[in-house]
Amino acid sequence: MDSFEINKIVASILLIALLFIGIGKISDLIFHVEKPKTAGYKVEIPDGNSAMQASETKSEDIDEVDIAALLALGDLAHGEKVFKKCSACHVIEKGGANKIGPALYGVLGRKVASIDDYKYSKALAEYDKEWTFEEMNGYLKKPQSWIKGTKMSFAGLRKEKDRASVILYLNKFSDNPLQLP
């Protein structure tokens, strides 16, 4: 290969480079886009008080739930269907033995983590409340966020009708069902 051939190859490479740069400059002139003065998305980083704000939000959520209206959405037949998801780990019949989760007969109205022959997570054992309609609604919505550290790995019931129906169904299985609001 002589020097003339090498010059042609180098010249073609330079020509292609110049074309790419030239096309880029020309397209910038034709399709000019002004950059916005402010960012489209502002990401705010929470300060150290975020845990306190989260607990305040949780208590506000409890107050905002109209449990009577929520329970009006549910019905027992639907609750029986939805409870099938729960029956993999829980028994609801009277005298039923604990499975992966504790037996749920008479759960509404009793103290949280009160079955003697079941080993509860530390978080549930220290949770000093009773299972009311409001508590059960919050827990069924998302157990992991309602009681931090619970070992119940269930994702939760997002639909209000599903939660209301399961709560009504759980209330039915008790010697002393709670009075509906």
Protein backbone atom coordinates (compact mmCIF):
# COMPACT_ATOMS: atom_id res chain seq x y z
CA MET A 1 0.00 0.00 0.00
CA ASP A 2 1.50 3.31 -1.00
CA SER A 3 1.26 6.66 0.78
CA PHE A 4 -1.52 7.86 -1.53
CA GLU A 5 -3.82 5.06 -0.29
CA ILE A 6 -3.04 5.87 3.36
CA ASN A 7 -3.79 9.57 2.70
CA LYS A 8 -7.19 8.65 1.20
CA ILE A 9 -8.08 6.52 4.28
CA VAL A 10 -7.03 9.25 6.74
CA ALA A 11 -8.88 11.91 4.71
CA SER A 12 -12.09 9.82 4.67
CA ILE A 13 -11.91 9.31 8.45
CA LEU A 14 -11.42 13.07 8.97
CA LEU A 15 -14.29 13.83 6.57
CA ILE A 16 -16.64 11.51 8.48
CA ALA A 17 -15.63 13.13 11.79
CA LEU A 18 -16.24 16.60 10.36
CA LEU A 19 -19.64 15.49 9.01
CA PHE A 20 -20.75 14.20 12.42
CA ILE A 21 -19.64 17.38 14.16
CA GLY A 22 -21.22 19.55 11.44
CA ILE A 23 -24.55 17.68 11.53
CA GLY A 24 -24.61 18.03 15.33
CA LYS A 25 -24.03 21.79 15.14
CA ILE A 26 -26.61 22.29 12.39
CA SER A 27 -29.25 20.25 14.28
CA ASP A 28 -28.60 22.36 17.40
CA LEU A 29 -29.36 25.48 15.35
CA ILE A 30 -32.50 24.05 13.78
CA PHE A 31 -33.91 22.35 16.89
CA HIS A 32 -32.97 24.82 19.62
CA VAL A 33 -34.34 23.89 23.06
CA GLU A 34 -34.09 26.30 25.95
CA LYS A 35 -33.17 24.71 29.24
CA PRO A 36 -35.63 25.36 32.09
CA LYS A 37 -34.59 27.82 34.76
CA THR A 38 -35.82 25.55 37.57
CA ALA A 39 -35.53 21.79 37.87
CA GLY A 40 -38.56 19.74 36.88
CA TYR A 41 -38.39 17.53 39.98
CA LYS A 42 -37.24 18.72 43.33
CA VAL A 43 -36.09 15.96 45.65
CA GLU A 44 -36.42 16.88 49.28
CA ILE A 45 -34.30 15.02 51.78
CA PRO A 46 -36.06 14.49 55.11
CA ASP A 47 -34.35 15.78 58.21
CA GLY A 48 -33.84 13.89 61.47
CA ASN A 49 -37.44 14.39 62.56
CA SER A 50 -38.81 11.99 59.92
CA ALA A 51 -39.43 9.22 62.46
CA MET A 52 -41.47 11.60 64.58
CA GLN A 53 -43.39 12.80 61.53
CA ALA A 54 -44.11 9.19 60.53
CA SER A 55 -45.57 8.40 63.96
CA GLU A 56 -47.69 11.57 63.81
CA THR A 57 -48.94 10.53 60.37
CA LYS A 58 -49.82 7.09 61.71
CA SER A 59 -51.86 8.57 64.55
CA GLU A 60 -53.57 10.95 62.11
CA ASP A 61 -54.47 7.99 59.87
CA ILE A 62 -56.17 6.30 62.83
CA ASP A 63 -58.27 9.37 63.49
CA GLU A 64 -59.20 9.78 59.83
CA VAL A 65 -60.65 6.27 59.41
CA ASP A 66 -64.41 6.24 59.79
CA ILE A 67 -64.66 2.67 60.96
CA ALA A 68 -68.47 2.58 60.76
CA ALA A 69 -68.37 3.61 57.09
CA LEU A 70 -65.55 1.16 56.43
CA LEU A 71 -67.39 -1.76 58.00
CA ALA A 72 -70.51 -0.85 56.01
CA LEU A 73 -68.52 -1.76 52.86
CA GLY A 74 -67.95 -5.34 53.96
CA ASP A 75 -70.07 -8.47 54.01
CA LEU A 76 -69.56 -11.88 55.59
CA ALA A 77 -69.65 -13.93 52.37
CA HIS A 78 -66.89 -11.80 50.86
CA GLY A 79 -64.98 -11.99 54.14
CA GLU A 80 -65.07 -15.78 54.03
CA LYS A 81 -63.59 -15.73 50.51
CA VAL A 82 -60.85 -13.23 51.41
CA PHE A 83 -60.03 -15.09 54.63
CA LYS A 84 -58.88 -18.06 52.54
CA LYS A 85 -55.64 -16.11 52.07
CA CYS A 86 -55.28 -16.05 55.85
CA SER A 87 -56.20 -19.71 56.38
CA ALA A 88 -52.81 -20.84 55.12
CA CYS A 89 -51.35 -19.62 58.43
CA HIS A 90 -54.35 -19.12 60.76
CA VAL A 91 -57.28 -21.15 62.09
CA ILE A 92 -60.52 -19.37 62.96
CA GLU A 93 -62.63 -22.20 64.38
CA LYS A 94 -63.19 -22.44 68.14
CA GLY A 95 -60.57 -24.64 69.75
CA GLY A 96 -58.43 -24.60 66.61
CA ALA A 97 -54.72 -25.18 67.07
CA ASN A 98 -52.10 -22.61 66.21
CA LYS A 99 -50.46 -22.99 62.83
CA ILE A 100 -47.70 -20.73 61.52
CA GLY A 101 -49.79 -17.91 62.97
CA PRO A 102 -51.95 -17.95 66.11
CA ALA A 103 -55.54 -19.15 66.19
CA LEU A 104 -57.88 -16.22 65.53
CA TYR A 105 -61.09 -17.33 67.25
CA GLY A 106 -62.26 -14.40 69.37
CA VAL A 107 -59.38 -12.17 68.29
CA LEU A 108 -61.40 -8.95 68.19
CA GLY A 109 -61.71 -7.51 71.68
CA ARG A 110 -58.80 -9.40 73.20
CA LYS A 111 -55.34 -8.13 74.06
CA VAL A 112 -52.70 -8.30 71.31
CA ALA A 113 -50.37 -11.32 71.70
CA SER A 114 -52.46 -12.91 74.45
CA ILE A 115 -52.49 -16.60 73.43
CA ASP A 116 -50.24 -18.41 75.89
CA ASP A 117 -49.14 -21.34 73.73
CA TYR A 118 -47.98 -19.24 70.77
CA LYS A 119 -44.57 -17.57 70.49
CA TYR A 120 -45.19 -14.02 69.25
CA SER A 121 -42.57 -11.68 67.85
CA LYS A 122 -41.03 -9.28 70.35
CA ALA A 123 -42.78 -6.34 68.63
CA LEU A 124 -46.24 -7.90 69.04
CA ALA A 125 -45.55 -9.02 72.60
CA GLU A 126 -44.62 -5.45 73.56
CA TYR A 127 -47.57 -3.90 71.69
CA ASP A 128 -49.82 -3.15 74.66
CA LYS A 129 -53.21 -2.68 73.00
CA GLU A 130 -56.41 -4.57 72.25
CA TRP A 131 -57.61 -5.74 68.85
CA THR A 132 -60.28 -3.16 68.07
CA PHE A 133 -61.85 -2.61 64.67
CA GLU A 134 -59.45 0.29 64.07
CA GLU A 135 -56.35 -1.66 65.14
CA MET A 136 -57.31 -4.65 63.01
CA ASN A 137 -57.97 -2.39 60.01
CA GLY A 138 -54.54 -0.78 60.30
CA TYR A 139 -52.81 -4.11 60.85
CA LEU A 140 -54.55 -5.83 57.94
CA LYS A 141 -53.72 -2.92 55.64
CA LYS A 142 -49.97 -3.42 56.04
CA PRO A 143 -48.80 -5.46 59.05
CA GLN A 144 -45.10 -4.63 58.70
CA SER A 145 -45.65 -0.89 58.84
CA TRP A 146 -48.43 -0.96 61.47
CA ILE A 147 -46.36 -2.86 64.03
CA LYS A 148 -42.68 -2.56 63.18
CA GLY A 149 -40.82 -5.82 63.75
CA THR A 150 -43.77 -8.20 63.47
CA LYS A 151 -42.85 -11.56 62.00
CA MET A 152 -46.07 -11.73 59.97
CA SER A 153 -44.83 -11.56 56.40
CA PHE A 154 -48.24 -11.00 54.80
CA ALA A 155 -48.24 -8.00 52.43
CA GLY A 156 -51.65 -6.79 53.57
CA LEU A 157 -55.10 -6.15 52.13
CA ARG A 158 -55.17 -2.92 50.13
CA LYS A 159 -58.85 -2.86 49.27
CA GLU A 160 -61.09 -1.38 51.93
CA LYS A 161 -63.91 -3.81 51.13
CA ASP A 162 -61.57 -6.78 51.65
CA ARG A 163 -60.38 -5.47 55.03
CA ALA A 164 -63.90 -4.61 56.18
CA SER A 165 -65.20 -8.02 55.13
CA VAL A 166 -62.40 -9.89 56.92
CA ILE A 167 -62.93 -7.81 60.08
CA LEU A 168 -66.66 -8.64 60.04
CA TYR A 169 -65.82 -12.30 59.44
CA LEU A 170 -63.33 -12.35 62.33
CA ASN A 171 -65.87 -10.66 64.61
CA LYS A 172 -68.41 -13.36 63.80
CA PHE A 173 -66.10 -16.06 65.20
CA SER A 174 -66.21 -15.15 68.86
CA ASP A 175 -68.12 -16.04 72.01
CA ASN A 176 -68.57 -12.28 72.59
CA PRO A 177 -68.52 -10.46 69.23
CA LEU A 178 -67.83 -6.73 69.45
CA GLN A 179 -70.76 -4.39 68.94
CA LEU A 180 -70.59 -2.86 65.46
CA PRO A 181 -70.25 0.94 65.48
